[in-house]
C-alpha atoms as a PDB file:
ATOM      1  CA  MET A   1      61.458  17.694 -61.407  1.00  0.00           C
ATOM      2  CA  ILE A   2      64.896  18.542 -62.782  1.00  0.00           C
ATOM      3  CA  PRO A   3      65.393  22.258 -63.554  1.00  0.00           C
ATOM      4  CA  CYS A   4      66.132  23.021 -67.190  1.00  0.00           C
ATOM      5  CA  PRO A   5      68.654  25.692 -68.217  1.00  0.00           C
ATOM      6  CA  ILE A   6      67.511  28.633 -70.314  1.00  0.00           C
ATOM      7  CA  TYR A   7      70.228  29.509 -72.810  1.00  0.00           C
ATOM      8  CA  ASN A   8      68.803  32.812 -74.084  1.00  0.00           C
ATOM      9  CA  PRO A   9      65.620  34.190 -72.462  1.00  0.00           C
ATOM     10  CA  ASP A  10      64.828  36.289 -75.542  1.00  0.00           C
ATOM     11  CA  THR A  11      64.809  33.459 -78.104  1.00  0.00           C
ATOM     12  CA  ASP A  12      64.353  30.153 -76.210  1.00  0.00           C
ATOM     13  CA  TRP A  13      61.019  28.331 -76.158  1.00  0.00           C
ATOM     14  CA  ILE A  14      59.788  26.486 -73.091  1.00  0.00           C
ATOM     15  CA  CYS A  15      58.120  23.104 -73.754  1.00  0.00           C
ATOM     16  CA  ALA A  16      55.952  21.674 -70.964  1.00  0.00           C
ATOM     17  CA  VAL A  17      54.340  18.234 -71.173  1.00  0.00           C
ATOM     18  CA  HIS A  18      51.171  17.365 -69.286  1.00  0.00           C
ATOM     19  CA  SER A  19      50.437  13.864 -67.948  1.00  0.00           C
ATOM     20  CA  ASN A  20      47.375  13.604 -70.213  1.00  0.00           C
ATOM     21  CA  GLY A  21      49.498  13.972 -73.370  1.00  0.00           C
ATOM     22  CA  ASN A  22      49.319  17.716 -74.002  1.00  0.00           C
ATOM     23  CA  LEU A  23      52.326  19.803 -75.034  1.00  0.00           C
ATOM     24  CA  LEU A  24      52.466  23.552 -74.441  1.00  0.00           C
ATOM     25  CA  VAL A  25      55.148  25.711 -76.048  1.00  0.00           C
ATOM     26  CA  PHE A  26      55.687  29.367 -75.127  1.00  0.00           C
ATOM     27  CA  GLY A  27      58.491  31.926 -75.083  1.00  0.00           C
ATOM     28  CA  ALA A  28      60.971  31.915 -72.211  1.00  0.00           C
ATOM     29  CA  ASP A  29      60.478  35.664 -71.944  1.00  0.00           C
ATOM     30  CA  GLU A  30      56.922  34.977 -70.656  1.00  0.00           C
ATOM     31  CA  VAL A  31      58.257  33.354 -67.463  1.00  0.00           C
ATOM     32  CA  PRO A  32      58.520  35.982 -64.721  1.00  0.00           C
ATOM     33  CA  GLU A  33      61.499  35.944 -62.383  1.00  0.00           C
ATOM     34  CA  MET A  34      60.026  35.509 -58.924  1.00  0.00           C
ATOM     35  CA  ALA A  35      61.528  36.665 -55.629  1.00  0.00           C
ATOM     36  CA  ARG A  36      62.490  34.255 -52.842  1.00  0.00           C
ATOM     37  CA  GLY A  37      61.922  31.074 -54.840  1.00  0.00           C
ATOM     38  CA  LYS A  38      58.196  31.563 -55.315  1.00  0.00           C
ATOM     39  CA  GLY A  39      56.644  29.536 -58.103  1.00  0.00           C
ATOM     40  CA  SER A  40      54.936  30.560 -61.305  1.00  0.00           C
ATOM     41  CA  ARG A  41      52.230  28.670 -63.214  1.00  0.00           C
ATOM     42  CA  LEU A  42      53.667  27.263 -66.437  1.00  0.00           C
ATOM     43  CA  LEU A  43      51.005  24.723 -67.410  1.00  0.00           C
ATOM     44  CA  GLY A  44      47.278  24.908 -66.714  1.00  0.00           C
ATOM     45  CA  ILE A  45      46.174  22.118 -64.400  1.00  0.00           C
ATOM     46  CA  PRO A  46      42.912  22.449 -62.432  1.00  0.00           C
ATOM     47  CA  ALA A  47      43.571  22.605 -58.672  1.00  0.00           C
ATOM     48  CA  LYS A  48      41.250  19.666 -57.940  1.00  0.00           C
ATOM     49  CA  GLU A  49      42.971  17.396 -60.500  1.00  0.00           C
ATOM     50  CA  PHE A  50      46.427  18.418 -59.276  1.00  0.00           C
ATOM     51  CA  ALA A  51      45.563  17.861 -55.610  1.00  0.00           C
ATOM     52  CA  SER A  52      44.167  14.391 -56.315  1.00  0.00           C
ATOM     53  CA  GLY A  53      47.294  13.451 -58.299  1.00  0.00           C
ATOM     54  CA  LYS A  54      45.367  12.703 -61.508  1.00  0.00           C
ATOM     55  CA  GLU A  55      47.149  15.354 -63.546  1.00  0.00           C
ATOM     56  CA  ARG A  56      50.634  16.829 -63.329  1.00  0.00           C
ATOM     57  CA  MET A  57      53.449  18.267 -65.403  1.00  0.00           C
ATOM     58  CA  ILE A  58      55.774  15.407 -66.288  1.00  0.00           C
ATOM     59  CA  ALA A  59      58.518  17.060 -68.337  1.00  0.00           C
ATOM     60  CA  LEU A  60      59.947  20.487 -69.061  1.00  0.00           C
ATOM     61  CA  ALA A  61      62.574  21.589 -71.583  1.00  0.00           C
ATOM     62  CA  SER A  62      64.030  24.807 -72.967  1.00  0.00           C
ATOM     63  CA  VAL A  63      64.671  24.689 -76.727  1.00  0.00           C
ATOM     64  CA  PRO A  64      67.216  27.171 -78.129  1.00  0.00           C
ATOM     65  CA  GLU A  65      66.724  29.032 -81.399  1.00  0.00           C
ATOM     66  CA  LYS A  66      68.356  26.397 -83.628  1.00  0.00           C
ATOM     67  CA  GLY A  67      67.525  23.431 -81.392  1.00  0.00           C
ATOM     68  CA  LYS A  68      65.301  20.379 -81.711  1.00  0.00           C
ATOM     69  CA  LEU A  69      63.129  18.609 -79.171  1.00  0.00           C
ATOM     70  CA  THR A  70      63.043  14.809 -79.029  1.00  0.00           C
ATOM     71  CA  ILE A  71      60.034  13.243 -77.325  1.00  0.00           C
ATOM     72  CA  TYR A  72      60.428   9.708 -75.950  1.00  0.00           C
ATOM     73  CA  ALA A  73      57.326   7.596 -75.379  1.00  0.00           C
ATOM     74  CA  GLY A  74      58.075   3.960 -74.582  1.00  0.00           C
ATOM     75  CA  LYS A  75      60.288   2.541 -77.340  1.00  0.00           C
ATOM     76  CA  ARG A  76      59.260   5.284 -79.775  1.00  0.00           C
ATOM     77  CA  HIS A  77      60.710   8.738 -80.231  1.00  0.00           C
ATOM     78  CA  SER A  78      59.965  11.752 -82.392  1.00  0.00           C
ATOM     79  CA  THR A  79      62.154  14.783 -83.092  1.00  0.00           C
ATOM     80  CA  LEU A  80      60.421  18.126 -83.554  1.00  0.00           C
ATOM     81  CA  ARG A  81      62.111  21.165 -85.085  1.00  0.00           C
ATOM     82  CA  ARG A  82      61.126  24.720 -84.147  1.00  0.00           C
ATOM     83  CA  GLN A  83      58.734  24.877 -87.118  1.00  0.00           C
ATOM     84  CA  ASP A  84      56.994  21.720 -85.851  1.00  0.00           C
ATOM     85  CA  LEU A  85      56.747  23.134 -82.314  1.00  0.00           C
ATOM     86  CA  GLU A  86      54.763  26.160 -83.569  1.00  0.00           C
ATOM     87  CA  GLU A  87      51.746  23.833 -83.792  1.00  0.00           C
ATOM     88  CA  TYR A  88      51.800  23.544 -79.987  1.00  0.00           C
ATOM     89  CA  TRP A  89      52.300  27.282 -79.313  1.00  0.00           C
ATOM     90  CA  GLY A  90      50.097  28.876 -76.658  1.00  0.00           C
ATOM     91  CA  GLU A  91      50.051  31.248 -73.711  1.00  0.00           C
ATOM     92  CA  ARG A  92      51.850  30.361 -70.489  1.00  0.00           C
ATOM     93  CA  GLY A  93      49.403  28.807 -68.030  1.00  0.00           C
ATOM     94  CA  LYS A  94      47.132  27.168 -70.647  1.00  0.00           C
ATOM     95  CA  ARG A  95      46.620  23.407 -71.125  1.00  0.00           C
ATOM     96  CA  GLY A  96      48.390  22.980 -74.458  1.00  0.00           C
ATOM     97  CA  THR A  97      47.665  20.890 -77.546  1.00  0.00           C
ATOM     98  CA  ARG A  98      47.367  17.104 -77.656  1.00  0.00           C
ATOM     99  CA  LEU A  99      50.390  15.175 -78.935  1.00  0.00           C
ATOM    100  CA  PRO A 100      49.860  12.619 -81.737  1.00  0.00           C
ATOM    101  CA  ARG A 101      48.643   9.140 -80.873  1.00  0.00           C
ATOM    102  CA  GLY A 102      51.471   6.944 -79.623  1.00  0.00           C
ATOM    103  CA  PHE A 103      53.313   9.900 -78.052  1.00  0.00           C
ATOM    104  CA  GLN A 104      50.791  10.887 -75.398  1.00  0.00           C
ATOM    105  CA  LYS A 105      52.511   8.934 -72.605  1.00  0.00           C
ATOM    106  CA  VAL A 106      55.800  10.835 -72.586  1.00  0.00           C
ATOM    107  CA  ASP A 107      58.714   9.285 -70.693  1.00  0.00           C
ATOM    108  CA  ASP A 108      61.364  11.912 -71.378  1.00  0.00           C
ATOM    109  CA  LEU A 109      62.309  15.004 -73.375  1.00  0.00           C
ATOM    110  CA  GLU A 110      65.736  15.673 -74.853  1.00  0.00           C
ATOM    111  CA  VAL A 111      66.991  18.908 -76.414  1.00  0.00           C
ATOM    112  CA  GLU A 112      69.486  18.872 -79.269  1.00  0.00           C
ATOM    113  CA  THR A 113      71.369  22.128 -79.748  1.00  0.00           C
END
């Protein structure tokens, strides 16, 4: 997975997309800075499902304060403003909220600043 830059840890929102079509949005200030490259759970995936390869995190993006997030699913795309992303807000480590029909198989995320 390609690392995403965080522009301002106090105001940026992290958007994580699950392979089953869920989107979780939370504040960048919730992500702890770990020592020696240790990982931190961003998206809730049961250990059994992750180990079998059924479920995984497929995309990650950091949206700045006045930014927009574009979700690409096949030939379709949808641009969400910060107000739209509030619908998917949750705590870090949870599963997130289901994306609308037609956008549940996400190919890519793009951030417009």
